[in-house]
């Protein structure tokens, strides 16, 4: 009888915990409305002189949470709500606690004269419900409230590849995978504080482009932090020989060669044959210029001018730029570059001003400090997602088939060297898929800083 009574008691306790954890959705819509109204999401009608506020239209259960649909007054939009997203999450998580029961709790009860006291203690055991929200707008405002946070780690696997395309899986959100198609959105700006995920996503993109188009992709890699992020790729056949730049002089040379190749595509292929771009011309080859810590180039006008030209005209010639920086500002992301790259990817930033520089709106400063948690903005809409993680060992494994041993400058003299002969064969392949090397370091003038020149 005692066992039966105790079982019923525990069952009641579990039921109470369930009701507690699921009662909040009934009041969530009221709480959301209160937060929006208290934070100024209302407008005074100039005709009726009445104050119009946000109104709820409907609510529905979705996987992992609840979706609320609201009507917002004319004159307010999605951007106004996005600026209040952190207020909504903070408000929904305030005192949002549910009784947590586990089998260990139940089995830990000692059925003696103090049993009921132990049961009462379980009522007091509570943990926060870490709710997260998503905001969407399609004429009505949709706010999705999830009872549990998005996964903090998403491991990359081969199912994320799209062979033969320029569409790269960046990671995933609650609705599925997030892709960036470089043939649709040619360039990409990436920003985020150190350790947030920039290097991970750049290495992921480079590796996947190699795997998806091993014979049609080529790279120029510029790492102005000294080369550690990209050094593992320098001996891949897809990387143009000599196109791993770690200082300004090398960067200028590399970008100039890319610019020359871009002009060659226009003058000798597209314009004479009446094609608008490489897609129309049926050209499969694409060249990617990946720049890590691009903010360092802004003090060198000649480098900025060449890069701006590539960003502006490379869309048609198949020369795509990935521009990454830790310190997004109006100076670090020049306007002439920014306006030609509408696609943005931002990890956590240190201020709303930095977020606005990258995304044209705030939000990145409120991202949780979870490595790989970012905001992807395509053309208009933005999505919070978790970056697919590929560790260095996996990268090494995946790019191993593309590694070649490049010959030394004098190796061509040794005609009896089998290794040299094999390397020449690979070099021919690279030259066909890469860029023409028509200039040497000595042909470029000494770099001049924009300032501090005596």
Protein backbone atom coordinates (compact mmCIF):
# COMPACT_ATOMS: atom_id res chain seq x y z
CA UNK A 1 0.00 0.00 0.00
CA UNK A 2 2.86 2.35 0.85
CA UNK A 3 4.50 1.62 -2.53
CA UNK A 4 1.20 2.32 -4.30
CA UNK A 5 0.71 5.62 -2.47
CA UNK A 6 4.28 6.71 -3.16
CA UNK A 7 3.93 5.86 -6.86
CA UNK A 8 0.75 7.94 -7.10
CA UNK A 9 2.52 10.80 -5.31
CA UNK A 10 5.43 10.72 -7.72
CA UNK A 11 3.05 10.47 -10.65
CA UNK A 12 1.24 13.55 -9.38
CA UNK A 13 4.54 15.34 -8.95
CA UNK A 14 5.56 14.52 -12.51
CA UNK A 15 2.20 15.70 -13.77
CA UNK A 16 2.56 18.93 -11.86
CA UNK A 17 5.99 19.49 -13.37
CA UNK A 18 4.62 18.88 -16.87
CA UNK A 19 1.78 21.33 -16.37
CA UNK A 20 4.16 23.92 -14.95
CA UNK A 21 6.50 23.61 -17.91
CA UNK A 22 3.67 23.82 -20.45
CA UNK A 23 1.49 26.46 -18.87
CA UNK A 24 3.59 29.41 -20.02
CA UNK A 25 2.52 29.36 -23.74
CA UNK A 26 -0.96 30.44 -22.64
CA UNK A 27 0.49 33.65 -21.27
CA UNK A 28 3.39 34.10 -23.68
CA UNK A 29 1.37 36.07 -26.23
CA UNK A 30 0.32 38.56 -23.53
CA UNK A 31 3.89 38.87 -22.35
CA UNK A 32 5.13 39.45 -25.93
CA UNK A 33 2.51 42.16 -26.48
CA UNK A 34 3.43 43.83 -23.21
CA UNK A 35 7.15 43.83 -24.05
CA UNK A 36 6.54 45.28 -27.52
CA UNK A 37 4.18 47.97 -26.27
CA UNK A 38 6.37 48.94 -23.32
CA UNK A 39 9.37 49.28 -25.64
CA UNK A 40 7.56 51.70 -27.96
CA UNK A 41 6.10 49.42 -30.63
CA UNK A 42 3.04 51.61 -31.13
CA UNK A 43 2.13 54.51 -33.35
CA UNK A 44 -0.39 57.35 -33.25
CA UNK A 45 -2.74 57.49 -36.24
CA UNK A 46 -2.54 60.97 -37.77
CA UNK A 47 -6.20 60.84 -38.84
CA UNK A 48 -8.03 59.24 -35.93
CA UNK A 49 -5.50 60.40 -33.30
CA UNK A 50 -5.78 56.94 -31.78
CA UNK A 51 -2.73 54.99 -30.70
CA UNK A 52 -2.38 51.74 -32.64
CA UNK A 53 -0.56 48.82 -31.05
CA UNK A 54 0.50 45.31 -32.02
CA UNK A 55 -2.42 42.83 -32.12
CA UNK A 56 -2.27 39.04 -31.96
CA UNK A 57 -4.02 37.19 -34.80
CA UNK A 58 -3.41 33.54 -34.01
CA UNK A 59 -1.24 31.03 -32.26
CA UNK A 60 -0.21 27.53 -33.29
CA UNK A 61 1.98 24.76 -31.94
CA UNK A 62 5.14 24.00 -33.93
CA UNK A 63 7.88 21.46 -33.41
CA UNK A 64 9.76 22.44 -30.29
CA UNK A 65 7.64 25.46 -29.43
CA UNK A 66 4.86 27.88 -30.40
CA UNK A 67 4.39 30.33 -33.29
CA UNK A 68 2.52 33.59 -32.68
CA UNK A 69 1.22 35.71 -35.55
CA UNK A 70 0.74 39.44 -34.96
CA UNK A 71 -0.58 42.40 -36.90
CA UNK A 72 1.67 45.42 -36.49
CA UNK A 73 0.59 49.05 -37.11
CA UNK A 74 1.37 50.69 -40.44
CA UNK A 75 4.62 52.57 -40.15
CA UNK A 76 6.38 49.81 -38.19
CA UNK A 77 8.21 46.83 -39.66
CA UNK A 78 10.36 43.78 -39.10
CA UNK A 79 13.45 45.85 -38.38
CA UNK A 80 11.67 47.52 -35.44
CA UNK A 81 10.93 44.10 -33.96
CA UNK A 82 14.43 42.73 -34.62
CA UNK A 83 15.88 45.62 -32.64
CA UNK A 84 13.78 44.44 -29.68
CA UNK A 85 14.59 40.75 -30.02
CA UNK A 86 16.88 40.71 -26.99
CA UNK A 87 14.12 42.33 -24.93
CA UNK A 88 11.68 39.63 -25.99
CA UNK A 89 14.06 36.78 -25.11
CA UNK A 90 15.01 38.35 -21.79
CA UNK A 91 11.36 38.95 -20.94
CA UNK A 92 10.22 35.45 -21.87
CA UNK A 93 13.02 33.88 -19.83
CA UNK A 94 12.38 36.00 -16.73
CA UNK A 95 10.90 33.70 -14.09
CA UNK A 96 10.32 31.11 -16.80
CA UNK A 97 11.15 28.09 -14.71
CA UNK A 98 9.74 24.55 -14.68
CA UNK A 99 9.91 21.72 -12.22
CA UNK A 100 12.54 19.25 -13.40
CA UNK A 101 12.17 15.60 -12.47
CA UNK A 102 14.53 12.81 -13.36
CA UNK A 103 14.59 9.10 -12.63
CA UNK A 104 17.62 9.76 -10.43
CA UNK A 105 15.54 12.13 -8.27
CA UNK A 106 12.77 9.58 -7.84
CA UNK A 107 15.08 6.65 -7.13
CA UNK A 108 16.97 8.81 -4.65
CA UNK A 109 13.94 9.15 -2.34
CA UNK A 110 14.34 7.22 0.89
CA UNK A 111 10.95 5.85 1.85
CA UNK A 112 11.07 6.52 5.54
CA UNK A 113 9.42 9.02 7.87
CA UNK A 114 11.13 11.87 5.96
CA UNK A 115 9.88 10.74 2.53
CA UNK A 116 7.25 13.46 2.22
CA UNK A 117 9.81 16.11 3.12
CA UNK A 118 12.03 14.84 0.31
CA UNK A 119 9.11 14.99 -2.12
CA UNK A 120 8.40 18.59 -1.17
CA UNK A 121 12.05 19.42 -1.87
CA UNK A 122 11.60 18.12 -5.40
CA UNK A 123 8.82 20.68 -5.90
CA UNK A 124 11.37 23.38 -5.18
CA UNK A 125 13.91 22.04 -7.65
CA UNK A 126 13.59 24.16 -10.74
CA UNK A 127 15.76 25.08 -13.73
CA UNK A 128 15.36 27.91 -16.22
CA UNK A 129 13.68 27.26 -19.54
CA UNK A 130 16.16 28.81 -21.97
CA UNK A 131 13.71 30.00 -24.59
CA UNK A 132 14.91 31.31 -27.95
CA UNK A 133 12.90 33.14 -30.57
CA UNK A 134 12.89 33.57 -34.34
CA UNK A 135 11.32 36.54 -36.09
CA UNK A 136 9.87 36.46 -39.60
CA UNK A 137 7.74 38.85 -41.58
CA UNK A 138 5.52 38.14 -44.60
CA UNK A 139 2.93 40.90 -44.23
CA UNK A 140 2.23 39.69 -40.72
CA UNK A 141 4.75 39.41 -37.92
CA UNK A 142 5.62 35.85 -36.92
CA UNK A 143 7.42 35.20 -33.66
CA UNK A 144 8.41 31.59 -32.99
CA UNK A 145 9.21 30.78 -29.38
CA UNK A 146 11.24 27.61 -28.82
CA UNK A 147 11.37 25.88 -25.46
CA UNK A 148 14.98 24.74 -25.90
CA UNK A 149 18.01 26.44 -27.48
CA UNK A 150 19.39 25.63 -30.91
CA UNK A 151 22.11 22.95 -30.92
CA UNK A 152 25.54 24.27 -30.01
CA UNK A 153 27.46 21.91 -32.30
CA UNK A 154 26.64 20.67 -35.79
CA UNK A 155 29.19 18.22 -37.18
CA UNK A 156 29.85 18.38 -40.94
CA UNK A 157 29.24 15.27 -43.02
CA UNK A 158 29.36 14.45 -46.74
CA UNK A 159 25.57 14.67 -47.10
CA UNK A 160 26.06 18.45 -46.90
CA UNK A 161 27.94 18.49 -50.21
CA UNK A 162 26.29 19.54 -53.49
CA UNK A 163 28.67 18.09 -56.13
CA UNK A 164 29.06 20.09 -59.33
CA UNK A 165 27.45 23.23 -57.89
CA UNK A 166 28.71 26.39 -56.21
CA UNK A 167 26.16 26.02 -53.42
CA UNK A 168 27.81 25.61 -50.01
CA UNK A 169 26.09 24.36 -46.86
CA UNK A 170 27.05 26.82 -44.13
CA UNK A 171 25.22 24.99 -41.35
CA UNK A 172 21.66 24.68 -40.15
CA UNK A 173 18.81 26.23 -38.20
CA UNK A 174 15.57 24.76 -36.88
CA UNK A 175 14.02 24.63 -40.36
CA UNK A 176 16.92 22.81 -42.03
CA UNK A 177 20.23 23.55 -43.70
CA UNK A 178 21.45 27.01 -44.67
CA UNK A 179 23.11 27.33 -48.08
CA UNK A 180 25.00 30.11 -49.85
CA UNK A 181 25.03 29.77 -53.65
CA UNK A 182 28.00 31.69 -55.04
CA UNK A 183 26.61 31.63 -58.56
CA UNK A 184 23.54 33.49 -57.30
CA UNK A 185 25.16 35.69 -54.63
CA UNK A 186 28.68 36.07 -55.94
CA UNK A 187 30.60 37.47 -52.98
CA UNK A 188 30.37 37.19 -49.19
CA UNK A 189 31.35 39.39 -46.23
CA UNK A 190 32.17 37.54 -42.99
CA UNK A 191 32.63 39.25 -39.62
CA UNK A 192 32.95 38.29 -35.98
CA UNK A 193 35.13 38.70 -32.91
CA UNK A 194 38.15 36.37 -32.53
CA UNK A 195 37.14 32.80 -31.74
CA UNK A 196 33.56 33.19 -32.92
CA UNK A 197 33.82 31.02 -36.03
CA UNK A 198 35.24 33.04 -38.94
CA UNK A 199 38.23 30.80 -39.61
CA UNK A 200 36.10 27.68 -39.26
CA UNK A 201 33.59 28.80 -41.89
CA UNK A 202 36.28 29.98 -44.32
CA UNK A 203 38.14 26.66 -44.11
CA UNK A 204 34.83 24.83 -44.50
CA UNK A 205 33.93 26.83 -47.63
CA UNK A 206 37.36 26.28 -49.23
CA UNK A 207 37.31 22.54 -48.51
CA UNK A 208 33.76 22.04 -49.79
CA UNK A 209 34.43 24.02 -52.97
CA UNK A 210 37.40 21.73 -53.65
CA UNK A 211 35.33 18.61 -53.01
CA UNK A 212 32.39 19.78 -55.14
CA UNK A 213 34.37 21.14 -58.10
CA UNK A 214 37.93 19.76 -57.89
CA UNK A 215 38.80 20.54 -61.53
CA UNK A 216 36.96 23.84 -61.96
CA UNK A 217 37.79 25.83 -58.84
CA UNK A 218 40.95 27.80 -58.08
CA UNK A 219 41.94 30.03 -55.18
CA UNK A 220 43.96 33.05 -54.21
CA UNK A 221 44.34 33.08 -50.42
CA UNK A 222 45.35 36.16 -48.43
CA UNK A 223 45.87 35.82 -44.68
CA UNK A 224 47.09 39.08 -43.18
CA UNK A 225 47.49 37.48 -39.75
CA UNK A 226 50.60 35.70 -41.02
CA UNK A 227 49.15 32.70 -42.85
CA UNK A 228 48.10 30.17 -40.16
CA UNK A 229 44.48 29.87 -41.28
CA UNK A 230 45.25 28.98 -44.90
CA UNK A 231 48.70 27.35 -44.76
CA UNK A 232 47.17 23.86 -44.89
CA UNK A 233 45.81 24.62 -48.37
CA UNK A 234 48.96 26.09 -49.97
CA UNK A 235 50.02 22.81 -51.62
CA UNK A 236 46.59 21.96 -52.99
CA UNK A 237 46.48 21.90 -56.78
CA UNK A 238 43.51 24.28 -56.73
CA UNK A 239 45.59 27.04 -55.10
CA UNK A 240 47.51 29.11 -57.64
CA UNK A 241 51.25 28.77 -57.09
CA UNK A 242 52.46 31.76 -55.13
CA UNK A 243 48.92 32.83 -54.25
CA UNK A 244 49.11 32.52 -50.48
CA UNK A 245 49.75 36.10 -49.41
CA UNK A 246 50.73 37.01 -45.85
CA UNK A 247 51.77 40.66 -46.27
CA UNK A 248 50.77 43.71 -48.27
CA UNK A 249 53.39 43.35 -50.99
CA UNK A 250 52.29 39.79 -51.73
CA UNK A 251 48.64 40.80 -51.52
CA UNK A 252 49.14 43.56 -54.08
CA UNK A 253 50.87 41.18 -56.48
CA UNK A 254 48.19 38.50 -56.08
CA UNK A 255 45.27 40.90 -56.52
CA UNK A 256 46.89 42.48 -59.56
CA UNK A 257 47.26 39.06 -61.19
CA UNK A 258 43.62 38.28 -60.39
CA UNK A 259 42.59 41.61 -61.89
CA UNK A 260 44.59 40.86 -65.07
CA UNK A 261 42.93 37.45 -65.37
CA UNK A 262 39.50 39.02 -64.85
CA UNK A 263 40.16 41.52 -67.64
CA UNK A 264 41.35 38.69 -69.87
CA UNK A 265 38.03 36.87 -69.42
CA UNK A 266 36.11 40.00 -70.36
CA UNK A 267 38.25 41.09 -73.30
CA UNK A 268 38.96 37.70 -74.88
CA UNK A 269 35.86 35.65 -74.07
CA UNK A 270 32.77 37.50 -72.87
CA UNK A 271 32.76 40.75 -74.86
CA UNK A 272 33.87 39.37 -78.27
CA UNK A 273 31.25 36.60 -78.12
CA UNK A 274 28.45 38.76 -76.73
CA UNK A 275 28.09 36.99 -73.38
CA UNK A 276 27.00 38.79 -70.23
CA UNK A 277 28.75 36.48 -67.78
CA UNK A 278 30.50 33.13 -67.44
CA UNK A 279 27.25 31.31 -66.74
CA UNK A 280 25.79 32.39 -70.08
CA UNK A 281 29.10 31.58 -71.77
CA UNK A 282 29.05 28.06 -70.31
CA UNK A 283 32.39 28.53 -68.57
CA UNK A 284 32.66 26.21 -65.59
CA UNK A 285 35.77 27.65 -64.00
CA UNK A 286 35.45 29.89 -60.91
CA UNK A 287 38.19 31.65 -58.98
CA UNK A 288 37.80 32.58 -55.30
CA UNK A 289 39.76 35.32 -53.55
CA UNK A 290 39.56 34.61 -49.81
CA UNK A 291 40.87 37.37 -47.54
CA UNK A 292 41.27 36.89 -43.80
CA UNK A 293 41.52 40.09 -41.76
CA UNK A 294 40.74 42.33 -44.69
CA UNK A 295 40.63 45.41 -42.43
CA UNK A 296 44.42 45.58 -42.74
CA UNK A 297 44.22 46.50 -46.43
CA UNK A 298 42.31 49.75 -46.00
CA UNK A 299 45.45 51.81 -45.31
CA UNK A 300 46.77 50.93 -48.78
CA UNK A 301 44.76 52.77 -51.47
CA UNK A 302 46.21 50.84 -54.41
CA UNK A 303 45.21 47.50 -52.84
CA UNK A 304 41.72 48.77 -52.04
CA UNK A 305 41.27 50.09 -55.58
CA UNK A 306 42.18 46.75 -57.18
CA UNK A 307 39.99 44.77 -54.77
CA UNK A 308 37.09 47.15 -55.40
CA UNK A 309 37.46 46.60 -59.13
CA UNK A 310 37.44 42.81 -58.65
CA UNK A 311 34.35 42.96 -56.44
CA UNK A 312 32.56 45.19 -58.95
CA UNK A 313 33.41 43.30 -62.15
CA UNK A 314 34.24 39.82 -60.89
CA UNK A 315 30.56 38.91 -60.71
CA UNK A 316 30.49 38.44 -64.47
CA UNK A 317 33.92 36.88 -64.95
CA UNK A 318 33.61 34.23 -62.23
CA UNK A 319 36.00 35.87 -59.74
CA UNK A 320 34.30 35.78 -56.33
CA UNK A 321 35.51 37.49 -53.14
CA UNK A 322 35.13 36.30 -49.55
CA UNK A 323 35.98 39.31 -47.37
CA UNK A 324 36.50 38.60 -43.67
CA UNK A 325 37.28 40.93 -40.78
CA UNK A 326 37.36 40.93 -36.98
CA UNK A 327 36.80 44.67 -36.76
CA UNK A 328 33.87 45.72 -38.95
CA UNK A 329 33.63 49.47 -39.24
CA UNK A 330 32.98 52.00 -41.96
CA UNK A 331 36.75 52.12 -42.49
CA UNK A 332 37.36 48.35 -42.37
CA UNK A 333 34.54 47.61 -44.84
CA UNK A 334 34.74 50.41 -47.43
CA UNK A 335 31.38 51.48 -48.82
CA UNK A 336 32.37 50.79 -52.44
CA UNK A 337 33.08 47.16 -51.46
CA UNK A 338 30.11 46.77 -49.12
CA UNK A 339 27.49 47.96 -51.63
CA UNK A 340 28.66 45.32 -54.12
CA UNK A 341 28.40 42.49 -51.58
CA UNK A 342 24.81 42.21 -50.31
CA UNK A 343 25.36 38.75 -48.77
CA UNK A 344 26.69 38.88 -45.22
CA UNK A 345 27.55 36.40 -42.48
CA UNK A 346 28.14 37.67 -38.96
CA UNK A 347 29.12 35.98 -35.75
CA UNK A 348 28.94 37.73 -32.39
CA UNK A 349 30.19 41.32 -32.45
CA UNK A 350 31.05 43.75 -29.68
CA UNK A 351 28.53 46.48 -30.50
CA UNK A 352 25.33 47.34 -32.32
CA UNK A 353 27.35 49.74 -34.49
CA UNK A 354 29.55 46.87 -35.73
CA UNK A 355 26.44 44.76 -36.36
CA UNK A 356 24.87 47.58 -38.39
CA UNK A 357 28.04 47.89 -40.46
CA UNK A 358 27.84 44.21 -41.45
CA UNK A 359 24.12 43.43 -41.48
CA UNK A 360 22.66 46.94 -41.89
CA UNK A 361 20.88 46.38 -38.60
CA UNK A 362 21.62 45.45 -35.01
CA UNK A 363 21.42 41.89 -33.71
CA UNK A 364 24.90 40.35 -33.96
CA UNK A 365 25.89 41.99 -30.66
CA UNK A 366 23.16 39.96 -28.93
CA UNK A 367 24.19 36.55 -30.26
CA UNK A 368 25.18 34.08 -27.54
CA UNK A 369 28.92 33.54 -27.23
CA UNK A 370 28.68 30.07 -28.74
CA UNK A 371 31.39 29.26 -31.31
CA UNK A 372 29.77 28.95 -34.72
CA UNK A 373 26.49 30.69 -33.81
CA UNK A 374 25.91 33.27 -36.52
CA UNK A 375 23.48 35.32 -38.57
CA UNK A 376 23.31 34.75 -42.33
CA UNK A 377 21.79 37.46 -44.50
CA UNK A 378 21.15 36.58 -48.12
CA UNK A 379 19.55 39.35 -50.11
CA UNK A 380 16.93 40.57 -47.59
CA UNK A 381 16.01 38.11 -44.86
CA UNK A 382 18.42 36.98 -42.17
CA UNK A 383 18.58 33.71 -40.24
CA UNK A 384 20.29 32.64 -37.05
CA UNK A 385 22.08 29.34 -37.58
CA UNK A 386 24.77 27.05 -36.21
CA UNK A 387 27.83 26.66 -38.43
CA UNK A 388 28.70 23.16 -39.59
CA UNK A 389 31.94 22.17 -37.85
CA UNK A 390 34.77 20.45 -39.69
CA UNK A 391 37.87 20.03 -37.55
CA UNK A 392 41.42 20.26 -38.89
CA UNK A 393 41.90 16.50 -38.98
CA UNK A 394 38.81 16.11 -41.15
CA UNK A 395 39.99 18.92 -43.43
CA UNK A 396 43.38 17.24 -43.78
CA UNK A 397 41.67 13.98 -44.70
CA UNK A 398 39.36 15.58 -47.27
CA UNK A 399 42.01 17.65 -49.07
CA UNK A 400 44.70 14.94 -49.06
CA UNK A 401 43.93 13.83 -52.66
CA UNK A 402 44.57 17.38 -53.88
CA UNK A 403 47.98 17.90 -52.26
CA UNK A 404 50.94 18.10 -54.65
CA UNK A 405 54.65 18.49 -53.97
CA UNK A 406 55.63 21.67 -55.76
CA UNK A 407 59.10 21.68 -57.40
CA UNK A 408 61.84 24.06 -56.33
CA UNK A 409 62.83 26.78 -58.78
CA UNK A 410 65.85 24.76 -60.03
CA UNK A 411 64.12 21.38 -60.12
CA UNK A 412 63.29 21.82 -63.81
CA UNK A 413 66.98 21.32 -64.58
CA UNK A 414 66.91 17.79 -63.25
CA UNK A 415 65.27 15.98 -66.15
CA UNK A 416 66.05 12.61 -64.60
CA UNK A 417 63.91 13.29 -61.55
CA UNK A 418 60.69 11.29 -61.74
CA UNK A 419 59.15 13.42 -58.99
CA UNK A 420 59.86 16.61 -60.94
CA UNK A 421 58.31 15.19 -64.08
CA UNK A 422 55.17 14.27 -62.18
CA UNK A 423 55.01 17.69 -60.61
CA UNK A 424 55.21 19.35 -64.00
CA UNK A 425 52.15 17.47 -65.04
CA UNK A 426 50.25 18.85 -62.09
CA UNK A 427 51.60 22.32 -62.77
CA UNK A 428 50.10 22.25 -66.26
CA UNK A 429 46.74 21.41 -64.77
CA UNK A 430 47.01 24.30 -62.35
CA UNK A 431 47.93 26.75 -65.06
CA UNK A 432 44.90 25.72 -67.10
CA UNK A 433 42.54 26.20 -64.17
CA UNK A 434 44.32 29.06 -62.44
CA UNK A 435 45.48 32.51 -63.41
CA UNK A 436 48.20 33.70 -65.77
CA UNK A 437 51.43 34.68 -64.05
CA UNK A 438 52.59 37.63 -66.10
CA UNK A 439 54.18 39.81 -63.46
CA UNK A 440 56.89 39.60 -60.85
CA UNK A 441 57.34 41.33 -57.55
CA UNK A 442 59.79 43.82 -59.06
CA UNK A 443 57.15 45.21 -61.44
CA UNK A 444 55.14 46.74 -58.62
CA UNK A 445 55.92 50.08 -56.97
CA UNK A 446 56.58 50.23 -53.27
CA UNK A 447 53.32 50.16 -51.33
CA UNK A 448 52.22 53.42 -49.80
CA UNK A 449 50.05 53.75 -46.72
CA UNK A 450 47.15 56.16 -46.76
CA UNK A 451 48.67 57.86 -43.70
CA UNK A 452 51.73 57.87 -41.45
CA UNK A 453 54.04 58.34 -44.45
CA UNK A 454 56.95 60.62 -43.76
